[in-house]
């Protein structure tokens, strides 16, 4: 009888956790002005339960005066079954949102066959007035002069669905150390699931055969937008990033990582999470 009670309690906890994921997802910033809850007069939120494919992550029974189950369920933001892909498909059929990524049929080579291509790390730590970047599904990068150089309608759809526009991470490593030691960056990207982690010996052998991947570490000057989701870089850095994108498609292929000053919305390690209940962008 006691075992049956525990089974029922665990099932109830799973239902509550799944409902919490939907509630948290509804509050996600879509861009600098809207959340999933505000767009389309609430119609997107109605669809969220069908969009989100959550699964068990951890479950434990807590003994004590008030025994209960602690349940963590996760739902991917990225990948073909992730929230981003589902939203893009939904918006294309029911256009409650006007910005769309570059469709595969109109883009040229915006796939993910780019293992040797550079990655951009935007250091958004230590901003003035104690500003902090807020995560969004479709944020922007703009110059101090107001020119937008990175937005959802300028990226490849496949890259957007598989990688997400930005991956938010935390690290204690300084920007100077990151610029001088590529292995520190590789550890961050590997922890975020963006590249395959390799030990130092394998990396050294790999580099003998293949040109080492480049990493561009750029300082963020400010955050803008109603929800502080958009990142501002210097005019010089903006010009350099546009030139780099023309050469390597670093932006079109969403090879962008933001270094935040503190965990965002329950970021655990380097993987963005919806208050630890949505497993980041894996």
C-alpha atoms as a PDB file:
ATOM      1  CA  UNK A   1       0.000   0.000   0.000  1.00  0.00           C
ATOM      2  CA  UNK A   2       2.805   2.361   0.918  1.00  0.00           C
ATOM      3  CA  UNK A   3       4.549   1.541  -2.362  1.00  0.00           C
ATOM      4  CA  UNK A   4       1.376   2.328  -4.317  1.00  0.00           C
ATOM      5  CA  UNK A   5       1.136   5.673  -2.543  1.00  0.00           C
ATOM      6  CA  UNK A   6       4.677   6.474  -3.566  1.00  0.00           C
ATOM      7  CA  UNK A   7       3.936   5.585  -7.177  1.00  0.00           C
ATOM      8  CA  UNK A   8       0.932   7.898  -7.177  1.00  0.00           C
ATOM      9  CA  UNK A   9       2.943  10.652  -5.519  1.00  0.00           C
ATOM     10  CA  UNK A  10       5.696  10.326  -8.099  1.00  0.00           C
ATOM     11  CA  UNK A  11       3.204  10.478 -10.953  1.00  0.00           C
ATOM     12  CA  UNK A  12       1.620  13.578  -9.455  1.00  0.00           C
ATOM     13  CA  UNK A  13       5.035  15.202  -9.047  1.00  0.00           C
ATOM     14  CA  UNK A  14       5.813  14.492 -12.709  1.00  0.00           C
ATOM     15  CA  UNK A  15       2.557  16.115 -13.797  1.00  0.00           C
ATOM     16  CA  UNK A  16       3.302  19.187 -11.681  1.00  0.00           C
ATOM     17  CA  UNK A  17       6.861  19.397 -13.054  1.00  0.00           C
ATOM     18  CA  UNK A  18       5.623  19.184 -16.660  1.00  0.00           C
ATOM     19  CA  UNK A  19       3.092  21.919 -15.967  1.00  0.00           C
ATOM     20  CA  UNK A  20       5.802  24.070 -14.414  1.00  0.00           C
ATOM     21  CA  UNK A  21       7.916  23.740 -17.560  1.00  0.00           C
ATOM     22  CA  UNK A  22       5.036  25.062 -19.670  1.00  0.00           C
ATOM     23  CA  UNK A  23       4.548  27.971 -17.260  1.00  0.00           C
ATOM     24  CA  UNK A  24       8.240  28.842 -17.285  1.00  0.00           C
ATOM     25  CA  UNK A  25       8.471  28.521 -21.059  1.00  0.00           C
ATOM     26  CA  UNK A  26       5.598  30.976 -21.445  1.00  0.00           C
ATOM     27  CA  UNK A  27       7.749  33.607 -19.755  1.00  0.00           C
ATOM     28  CA  UNK A  28      10.729  33.123 -22.058  1.00  0.00           C
ATOM     29  CA  UNK A  29      11.845  36.214 -23.936  1.00  0.00           C
ATOM     30  CA  UNK A  30      11.169  35.734 -27.620  1.00  0.00           C
ATOM     31  CA  UNK A  31      13.113  38.859 -28.570  1.00  0.00           C
ATOM     32  CA  UNK A  32      13.785  42.266 -27.028  1.00  0.00           C
ATOM     33  CA  UNK A  33      10.105  43.184 -26.780  1.00  0.00           C
ATOM     34  CA  UNK A  34       7.947  40.085 -26.441  1.00  0.00           C
ATOM     35  CA  UNK A  35       7.662  36.872 -24.476  1.00  0.00           C
ATOM     36  CA  UNK A  36       5.914  33.732 -25.619  1.00  0.00           C
ATOM     37  CA  UNK A  37       3.088  34.731 -23.306  1.00  0.00           C
ATOM     38  CA  UNK A  38       2.484  38.114 -24.918  1.00  0.00           C
ATOM     39  CA  UNK A  39       2.764  37.164 -28.586  1.00  0.00           C
ATOM     40  CA  UNK A  40      -0.278  36.130 -30.597  1.00  0.00           C
ATOM     41  CA  UNK A  41      -2.701  37.100 -27.817  1.00  0.00           C
ATOM     42  CA  UNK A  42      -1.823  33.994 -25.845  1.00  0.00           C
ATOM     43  CA  UNK A  43      -2.282  31.512 -28.674  1.00  0.00           C
ATOM     44  CA  UNK A  44       1.366  30.408 -28.559  1.00  0.00           C
ATOM     45  CA  UNK A  45       1.061  29.530 -24.875  1.00  0.00           C
ATOM     46  CA  UNK A  46      -1.917  27.332 -25.678  1.00  0.00           C
ATOM     47  CA  UNK A  47       0.339  25.382 -28.057  1.00  0.00           C
ATOM     48  CA  UNK A  48       3.287  25.143 -25.674  1.00  0.00           C
ATOM     49  CA  UNK A  49       2.146  21.936 -24.016  1.00  0.00           C
ATOM     50  CA  UNK A  50       2.155  20.241 -27.421  1.00  0.00           C
ATOM     51  CA  UNK A  51       5.450  21.871 -28.447  1.00  0.00           C
ATOM     52  CA  UNK A  52       7.443  20.885 -25.382  1.00  0.00           C
ATOM     53  CA  UNK A  53       8.652  17.303 -25.204  1.00  0.00           C
ATOM     54  CA  UNK A  54       9.794  16.986 -21.620  1.00  0.00           C
ATOM     55  CA  UNK A  55      11.365  13.867 -20.179  1.00  0.00           C
ATOM     56  CA  UNK A  56      12.511  12.665 -16.750  1.00  0.00           C
ATOM     57  CA  UNK A  57      15.867  13.950 -15.557  1.00  0.00           C
ATOM     58  CA  UNK A  58      15.995  13.210 -11.840  1.00  0.00           C
ATOM     59  CA  UNK A  59      13.596  11.878  -9.237  1.00  0.00           C
ATOM     60  CA  UNK A  60      14.166  11.288  -5.537  1.00  0.00           C
ATOM     61  CA  UNK A  61      12.014  10.626  -2.508  1.00  0.00           C
ATOM     62  CA  UNK A  62      12.647  12.937   0.448  1.00  0.00           C
ATOM     63  CA  UNK A  63      12.004  11.431   3.862  1.00  0.00           C
ATOM     64  CA  UNK A  64      11.115  13.512   6.890  1.00  0.00           C
ATOM     65  CA  UNK A  65       8.207  15.273   8.529  1.00  0.00           C
ATOM     66  CA  UNK A  66       6.705  16.074   5.142  1.00  0.00           C
ATOM     67  CA  UNK A  67       7.837  13.241   2.836  1.00  0.00           C
ATOM     68  CA  UNK A  68       7.609  14.084  -0.845  1.00  0.00           C
ATOM     69  CA  UNK A  69       9.087  13.474  -4.255  1.00  0.00           C
ATOM     70  CA  UNK A  70      11.510  15.921  -5.833  1.00  0.00           C
ATOM     71  CA  UNK A  71      11.192  15.602  -9.595  1.00  0.00           C
ATOM     72  CA  UNK A  72      13.150  17.354 -12.329  1.00  0.00           C
ATOM     73  CA  UNK A  73      11.964  17.052 -15.908  1.00  0.00           C
ATOM     74  CA  UNK A  74      13.769  18.564 -18.863  1.00  0.00           C
ATOM     75  CA  UNK A  75      12.709  19.889 -22.256  1.00  0.00           C
ATOM     76  CA  UNK A  76      15.151  20.773 -25.004  1.00  0.00           C
ATOM     77  CA  UNK A  77      15.290  24.238 -26.507  1.00  0.00           C
ATOM     78  CA  UNK A  78      17.392  23.108 -29.466  1.00  0.00           C
ATOM     79  CA  UNK A  79      17.402  20.243 -31.925  1.00  0.00           C
ATOM     80  CA  UNK A  80      14.750  19.056 -34.370  1.00  0.00           C
ATOM     81  CA  UNK A  81      12.341  18.268 -31.516  1.00  0.00           C
ATOM     82  CA  UNK A  82      13.287  21.301 -29.426  1.00  0.00           C
ATOM     83  CA  UNK A  83      11.178  24.346 -28.671  1.00  0.00           C
ATOM     84  CA  UNK A  84      12.960  26.633 -31.148  1.00  0.00           C
ATOM     85  CA  UNK A  85      12.307  24.311 -34.094  1.00  0.00           C
ATOM     86  CA  UNK A  86       8.665  23.837 -33.089  1.00  0.00           C
ATOM     87  CA  UNK A  87       8.137  27.582 -32.787  1.00  0.00           C
ATOM     88  CA  UNK A  88       9.722  28.330 -36.168  1.00  0.00           C
ATOM     89  CA  UNK A  89       7.479  25.721 -37.794  1.00  0.00           C
ATOM     90  CA  UNK A  90       4.438  27.132 -35.989  1.00  0.00           C
ATOM     91  CA  UNK A  91       5.201  30.744 -36.906  1.00  0.00           C
ATOM     92  CA  UNK A  92       5.662  29.833 -40.558  1.00  0.00           C
ATOM     93  CA  UNK A  93       2.124  28.401 -40.667  1.00  0.00           C
ATOM     94  CA  UNK A  94       0.404  30.823 -38.340  1.00  0.00           C
ATOM     95  CA  UNK A  95       2.284  34.114 -38.833  1.00  0.00           C
ATOM     96  CA  UNK A  96       1.795  35.847 -35.505  1.00  0.00           C
ATOM     97  CA  UNK A  97       5.458  36.868 -35.699  1.00  0.00           C
ATOM     98  CA  UNK A  98       7.133  38.545 -38.656  1.00  0.00           C
ATOM     99  CA  UNK A  99      10.829  37.655 -38.278  1.00  0.00           C
ATOM    100  CA  UNK A 100      11.973  34.382 -39.776  1.00  0.00           C
ATOM    101  CA  UNK A 101      15.386  32.782 -40.366  1.00  0.00           C
ATOM    102  CA  UNK A 102      16.786  32.157 -43.815  1.00  0.00           C
ATOM    103  CA  UNK A 103      14.908  29.116 -45.224  1.00  0.00           C
ATOM    104  CA  UNK A 104      17.198  26.242 -46.295  1.00  0.00           C
ATOM    105  CA  UNK A 105      16.059  26.493 -49.921  1.00  0.00           C
ATOM    106  CA  UNK A 106      17.184  30.127 -50.124  1.00  0.00           C
ATOM    107  CA  UNK A 107      20.470  29.770 -48.302  1.00  0.00           C
ATOM    108  CA  UNK A 108      23.746  28.506 -49.631  1.00  0.00           C
ATOM    109  CA  UNK A 109      25.740  26.141 -47.462  1.00  0.00           C
ATOM    110  CA  UNK A 110      24.363  27.206 -44.108  1.00  0.00           C
ATOM    111  CA  UNK A 111      24.526  23.679 -42.752  1.00  0.00           C
ATOM    112  CA  UNK A 112      26.634  22.635 -39.800  1.00  0.00           C
ATOM    113  CA  UNK A 113      29.635  21.161 -41.629  1.00  0.00           C
ATOM    114  CA  UNK A 114      31.888  23.746 -40.013  1.00  0.00           C
ATOM    115  CA  UNK A 115      33.945  22.002 -37.344  1.00  0.00           C
ATOM    116  CA  UNK A 116      37.073  23.975 -38.237  1.00  0.00           C
ATOM    117  CA  UNK A 117      35.325  27.358 -38.329  1.00  0.00           C
ATOM    118  CA  UNK A 118      35.598  30.103 -35.668  1.00  0.00           C
ATOM    119  CA  UNK A 119      33.298  30.751 -32.727  1.00  0.00           C
ATOM    120  CA  UNK A 120      32.372  34.118 -31.267  1.00  0.00           C
ATOM    121  CA  UNK A 121      32.375  34.640 -27.504  1.00  0.00           C
ATOM    122  CA  UNK A 122      30.695  37.839 -26.359  1.00  0.00           C
ATOM    123  CA  UNK A 123      31.877  38.845 -22.889  1.00  0.00           C
ATOM    124  CA  UNK A 124      28.869  40.496 -21.233  1.00  0.00           C
ATOM    125  CA  UNK A 125      30.365  40.664 -17.745  1.00  0.00           C
ATOM    126  CA  UNK A 126      31.081  43.839 -15.809  1.00  0.00           C
ATOM    127  CA  UNK A 127      28.649  46.109 -17.647  1.00  0.00           C
ATOM    128  CA  UNK A 128      28.000  49.641 -16.406  1.00  0.00           C
ATOM    129  CA  UNK A 129      25.163  50.316 -13.944  1.00  0.00           C
ATOM    130  CA  UNK A 130      25.323  46.629 -12.983  1.00  0.00           C
ATOM    131  CA  UNK A 131      23.384  45.752 -16.121  1.00  0.00           C
ATOM    132  CA  UNK A 132      23.019  42.077 -16.933  1.00  0.00           C
ATOM    133  CA  UNK A 133      22.019  40.403 -20.151  1.00  0.00           C
ATOM    134  CA  UNK A 134      18.707  38.545 -20.173  1.00  0.00           C
ATOM    135  CA  UNK A 135      18.394  35.376 -22.268  1.00  0.00           C
ATOM    136  CA  UNK A 136      16.146  35.280 -25.321  1.00  0.00           C
ATOM    137  CA  UNK A 137      15.393  32.787 -28.045  1.00  0.00           C
ATOM    138  CA  UNK A 138      16.023  35.364 -30.774  1.00  0.00           C
ATOM    139  CA  UNK A 139      18.245  38.195 -29.463  1.00  0.00           C
ATOM    140  CA  UNK A 140      20.193  40.722 -31.534  1.00  0.00           C
ATOM    141  CA  UNK A 141      23.726  42.069 -31.725  1.00  0.00           C
ATOM    142  CA  UNK A 142      24.098  45.693 -32.720  1.00  0.00           C
ATOM    143  CA  UNK A 143      26.819  48.317 -32.919  1.00  0.00           C
ATOM    144  CA  UNK A 144      27.086  51.406 -30.737  1.00  0.00           C
ATOM    145  CA  UNK A 145      25.841  53.307 -33.778  1.00  0.00           C
ATOM    146  CA  UNK A 146      22.633  51.258 -33.819  1.00  0.00           C
ATOM    147  CA  UNK A 147      23.410  49.004 -36.790  1.00  0.00           C
ATOM    148  CA  UNK A 148      22.004  45.504 -36.284  1.00  0.00           C
ATOM    149  CA  UNK A 149      24.518  42.893 -37.371  1.00  0.00           C
ATOM    150  CA  UNK A 150      22.903  39.752 -35.951  1.00  0.00           C
ATOM    151  CA  UNK A 151      19.203  38.938 -35.921  1.00  0.00           C
ATOM    152  CA  UNK A 152      17.024  35.931 -36.526  1.00  0.00           C
ATOM    153  CA  UNK A 153      16.045  36.764 -40.104  1.00  0.00           C
ATOM    154  CA  UNK A 154      19.711  36.775 -41.098  1.00  0.00           C
ATOM    155  CA  UNK A 155      20.691  33.326 -39.807  1.00  0.00           C
ATOM    156  CA  UNK A 156      20.344  29.886 -41.355  1.00  0.00           C
ATOM    157  CA  UNK A 157      17.263  27.961 -40.275  1.00  0.00           C
ATOM    158  CA  UNK A 158      19.130  24.690 -39.784  1.00  0.00           C
ATOM    159  CA  UNK A 159      21.784  26.345 -37.624  1.00  0.00           C
ATOM    160  CA  UNK A 160      19.127  28.161 -35.599  1.00  0.00           C
ATOM    161  CA  UNK A 161      17.204  24.979 -34.859  1.00  0.00           C
ATOM    162  CA  UNK A 162      20.254  22.889 -34.033  1.00  0.00           C
ATOM    163  CA  UNK A 163      22.334  25.470 -32.126  1.00  0.00           C
ATOM    164  CA  UNK A 164      20.029  28.266 -31.084  1.00  0.00           C
ATOM    165  CA  UNK A 165      20.975  31.883 -31.751  1.00  0.00           C
ATOM    166  CA  UNK A 166      22.973  32.251 -28.562  1.00  0.00           C
ATOM    167  CA  UNK A 167      24.235  29.949 -25.866  1.00  0.00           C
ATOM    168  CA  UNK A 168      24.633  31.593 -22.459  1.00  0.00           C
ATOM    169  CA  UNK A 169      27.479  30.388 -20.262  1.00  0.00           C
ATOM    170  CA  UNK A 170      29.267  31.413 -17.087  1.00  0.00           C
ATOM    171  CA  UNK A 171      32.985  31.194 -16.355  1.00  0.00           C
ATOM    172  CA  UNK A 172      35.527  32.657 -13.959  1.00  0.00           C
ATOM    173  CA  UNK A 173      38.151  32.874 -16.694  1.00  0.00           C
ATOM    174  CA  UNK A 174      39.104  36.421 -17.672  1.00  0.00           C
ATOM    175  CA  UNK A 175      38.711  37.674 -21.221  1.00  0.00           C
ATOM    176  CA  UNK A 176      42.487  38.035 -21.433  1.00  0.00           C
ATOM    177  CA  UNK A 177      43.030  34.398 -20.437  1.00  0.00           C
ATOM    178  CA  UNK A 178      40.383  33.245 -22.907  1.00  0.00           C
ATOM    179  CA  UNK A 179      42.080  35.156 -25.707  1.00  0.00           C
ATOM    180  CA  UNK A 180      45.475  33.683 -24.870  1.00  0.00           C
ATOM    181  CA  UNK A 181      44.507  30.054 -24.229  1.00  0.00           C
ATOM    182  CA  UNK A 182      42.138  28.402 -26.702  1.00  0.00           C
ATOM    183  CA  UNK A 183      41.854  25.327 -24.477  1.00  0.00           C
ATOM    184  CA  UNK A 184      39.892  27.328 -21.896  1.00  0.00           C
ATOM    185  CA  UNK A 185      37.332  28.207 -24.545  1.00  0.00           C
ATOM    186  CA  UNK A 186      37.167  24.639 -25.799  1.00  0.00           C
ATOM    187  CA  UNK A 187      36.379  23.479 -22.270  1.00  0.00           C
ATOM    188  CA  UNK A 188      33.508  25.990 -22.104  1.00  0.00           C
ATOM    189  CA  UNK A 189      32.117  24.992 -25.493  1.00  0.00           C
ATOM    190  CA  UNK A 190      32.454  21.294 -24.710  1.00  0.00           C
ATOM    191  CA  UNK A 191      30.634  21.731 -21.377  1.00  0.00           C
ATOM    192  CA  UNK A 192      27.838  23.523 -23.245  1.00  0.00           C
ATOM    193  CA  UNK A 193      27.610  20.638 -25.710  1.00  0.00           C
ATOM    194  CA  UNK A 194      28.624  22.830 -28.653  1.00  0.00           C
ATOM    195  CA  UNK A 195      31.773  20.943 -29.585  1.00  0.00           C
ATOM    196  CA  UNK A 196      33.070  17.487 -28.790  1.00  0.00           C
ATOM    197  CA  UNK A 197      35.429  17.594 -25.835  1.00  0.00           C
ATOM    198  CA  UNK A 198      38.852  16.079 -26.344  1.00  0.00           C
ATOM    199  CA  UNK A 199      41.705  15.620 -23.929  1.00  0.00           C
ATOM    200  CA  UNK A 200      44.895  17.619 -24.368  1.00  0.00           C
ATOM    201  CA  UNK A 201      46.845  14.829 -26.038  1.00  0.00           C
ATOM    202  CA  UNK A 202      44.150  14.139 -28.612  1.00  0.00           C
ATOM    203  CA  UNK A 203      43.755  17.855 -29.249  1.00  0.00           C
ATOM    204  CA  UNK A 204      47.486  18.198 -29.851  1.00  0.00           C
ATOM    205  CA  UNK A 205      47.481  15.326 -32.357  1.00  0.00           C
ATOM    206  CA  UNK A 206      44.393  16.754 -34.018  1.00  0.00           C
ATOM    207  CA  UNK A 207      46.055  20.137 -34.434  1.00  0.00           C
ATOM    208  CA  UNK A 208      48.992  18.575 -36.260  1.00  0.00           C
ATOM    209  CA  UNK A 209      46.624  17.280 -38.903  1.00  0.00           C
ATOM    210  CA  UNK A 210      44.227  20.157 -39.048  1.00  0.00           C
ATOM    211  CA  UNK A 211      44.338  23.917 -38.676  1.00  0.00           C
ATOM    212  CA  UNK A 212      43.265  24.915 -35.171  1.00  0.00           C
ATOM    213  CA  UNK A 213      39.813  26.428 -34.787  1.00  0.00           C
ATOM    214  CA  UNK A 214      39.817  30.162 -34.118  1.00  0.00           C
ATOM    215  CA  UNK A 215      37.958  31.876 -31.288  1.00  0.00           C
ATOM    216  CA  UNK A 216      36.988  35.522 -31.270  1.00  0.00           C
ATOM    217  CA  UNK A 217      36.458  37.079 -27.835  1.00  0.00           C
ATOM    218  CA  UNK A 218      34.605  40.397 -28.058  1.00  0.00           C
ATOM    219  CA  UNK A 219      33.576  42.745 -25.251  1.00  0.00           C
ATOM    220  CA  UNK A 220      29.933  43.727 -24.880  1.00  0.00           C
ATOM    221  CA  UNK A 221      29.563  47.459 -24.226  1.00  0.00           C
ATOM    222  CA  UNK A 222      25.931  47.473 -23.104  1.00  0.00           C
ATOM    223  CA  UNK A 223      22.620  45.630 -23.241  1.00  0.00           C
ATOM    224  CA  UNK A 224      19.511  47.139 -24.822  1.00  0.00           C
ATOM    225  CA  UNK A 225      15.872  46.347 -25.464  1.00  0.00           C
ATOM    226  CA  UNK A 226      12.923  46.334 -23.106  1.00  0.00           C
ATOM    227  CA  UNK A 227      14.083  43.058 -21.582  1.00  0.00           C
ATOM    228  CA  UNK A 228      17.828  43.807 -21.960  1.00  0.00           C
ATOM    229  CA  UNK A 229      18.303  40.942 -24.396  1.00  0.00           C
ATOM    230  CA  UNK A 230      20.232  42.741 -27.160  1.00  0.00           C
ATOM    231  CA  UNK A 231      23.994  43.046 -27.014  1.00  0.00           C
ATOM    232  CA  UNK A 232      25.871  46.190 -28.060  1.00  0.00           C
ATOM    233  CA  UNK A 233      29.439  45.996 -29.357  1.00  0.00           C
ATOM    234  CA  UNK A 234      31.784  48.757 -30.496  1.00  0.00           C
ATOM    235  CA  UNK A 235      31.559  50.092 -34.040  1.00  0.00           C
ATOM    236  CA  UNK A 236      34.999  48.619 -34.781  1.00  0.00           C
ATOM    237  CA  UNK A 237      34.042  45.187 -33.465  1.00  0.00           C
ATOM    238  CA  UNK A 238      30.804  45.326 -35.454  1.00  0.00           C
ATOM    239  CA  UNK A 239      32.734  45.988 -38.666  1.00  0.00           C
ATOM    240  CA  UNK A 240      35.145  43.160 -37.879  1.00  0.00           C
ATOM    241  CA  UNK A 241      32.291  40.730 -37.184  1.00  0.00           C
ATOM    242  CA  UNK A 242      30.551  41.631 -40.440  1.00  0.00           C
ATOM    243  CA  UNK A 243      33.793  40.976 -42.313  1.00  0.00           C
ATOM    244  CA  UNK A 244      34.278  37.697 -40.463  1.00  0.00           C
ATOM    245  CA  UNK A 245      30.721  36.635 -41.256  1.00  0.00           C
ATOM    246  CA  UNK A 246      31.327  37.274 -44.943  1.00  0.00           C
ATOM    247  CA  UNK A 247      34.358  34.985 -44.779  1.00  0.00           C
ATOM    248  CA  UNK A 248      33.265  32.199 -42.418  1.00  0.00           C
ATOM    249  CA  UNK A 249      29.505  32.699 -41.819  1.00  0.00           C
ATOM    250  CA  UNK A 250      30.180  32.798 -38.121  1.00  0.00           C
ATOM    251  CA  UNK A 251      26.893  34.650 -37.534  1.00  0.00           C
ATOM    252  CA  UNK A 252      24.730  32.982 -40.163  1.00  0.00           C
ATOM    253  CA  UNK A 253      25.651  29.613 -38.653  1.00  0.00           C
ATOM    254  CA  UNK A 254      24.916  30.762 -35.089  1.00  0.00           C
ATOM    255  CA  UNK A 255      28.397  30.107 -33.735  1.00  0.00           C
ATOM    256  CA  UNK A 256      27.753  32.601 -30.943  1.00  0.00           C
ATOM    257  CA  UNK A 257      28.231  32.231 -27.181  1.00  0.00           C
ATOM    258  CA  UNK A 258      27.532  34.844 -24.507  1.00  0.00           C
ATOM    259  CA  UNK A 259      29.545  34.890 -21.293  1.00  0.00           C
ATOM    260  CA  UNK A 260      27.246  36.133 -18.533  1.00  0.00           C
ATOM    261  CA  UNK A 261      28.334  37.546 -15.185  1.00  0.00           C
ATOM    262  CA  UNK A 262      26.105  35.163 -13.232  1.00  0.00           C
ATOM    263  CA  UNK A 263      23.810  32.215 -13.891  1.00  0.00           C
ATOM    264  CA  UNK A 264      20.790  33.199 -15.986  1.00  0.00           C
ATOM    265  CA  UNK A 265      17.404  31.748 -15.186  1.00  0.00           C
ATOM    266  CA  UNK A 266      18.878  28.697 -13.509  1.00  0.00           C
ATOM    267  CA  UNK A 267      21.897  28.184 -15.754  1.00  0.00           C
ATOM    268  CA  UNK A 268      23.713  25.165 -14.390  1.00  0.00           C
ATOM    269  CA  UNK A 269      27.340  24.884 -15.419  1.00  0.00           C
ATOM    270  CA  UNK A 270      27.356  26.149 -18.975  1.00  0.00           C
ATOM    271  CA  UNK A 271      24.045  24.843 -20.213  1.00  0.00           C
ATOM    272  CA  UNK A 272      21.063  27.210 -20.299  1.00  0.00           C
ATOM    273  CA  UNK A 273      18.068  25.830 -18.372  1.00  0.00           C
ATOM    274  CA  UNK A 274      14.557  26.977 -17.611  1.00  0.00           C
ATOM    275  CA  UNK A 275      15.084  27.356 -13.898  1.00  0.00           C
ATOM    276  CA  UNK A 276      16.896  24.010 -13.899  1.00  0.00           C
ATOM    277  CA  UNK A 277      13.825  22.243 -15.261  1.00  0.00           C
ATOM    278  CA  UNK A 278      14.492  22.689 -18.979  1.00  0.00           C
ATOM    279  CA  UNK A 279      17.738  21.172 -20.074  1.00  0.00           C
ATOM    280  CA  UNK A 280      19.398  23.933 -22.030  1.00  0.00           C
ATOM    281  CA  UNK A 281      20.195  23.633 -25.668  1.00  0.00           C
ATOM    282  CA  UNK A 282      21.196  20.034 -25.915  1.00  0.00           C
END
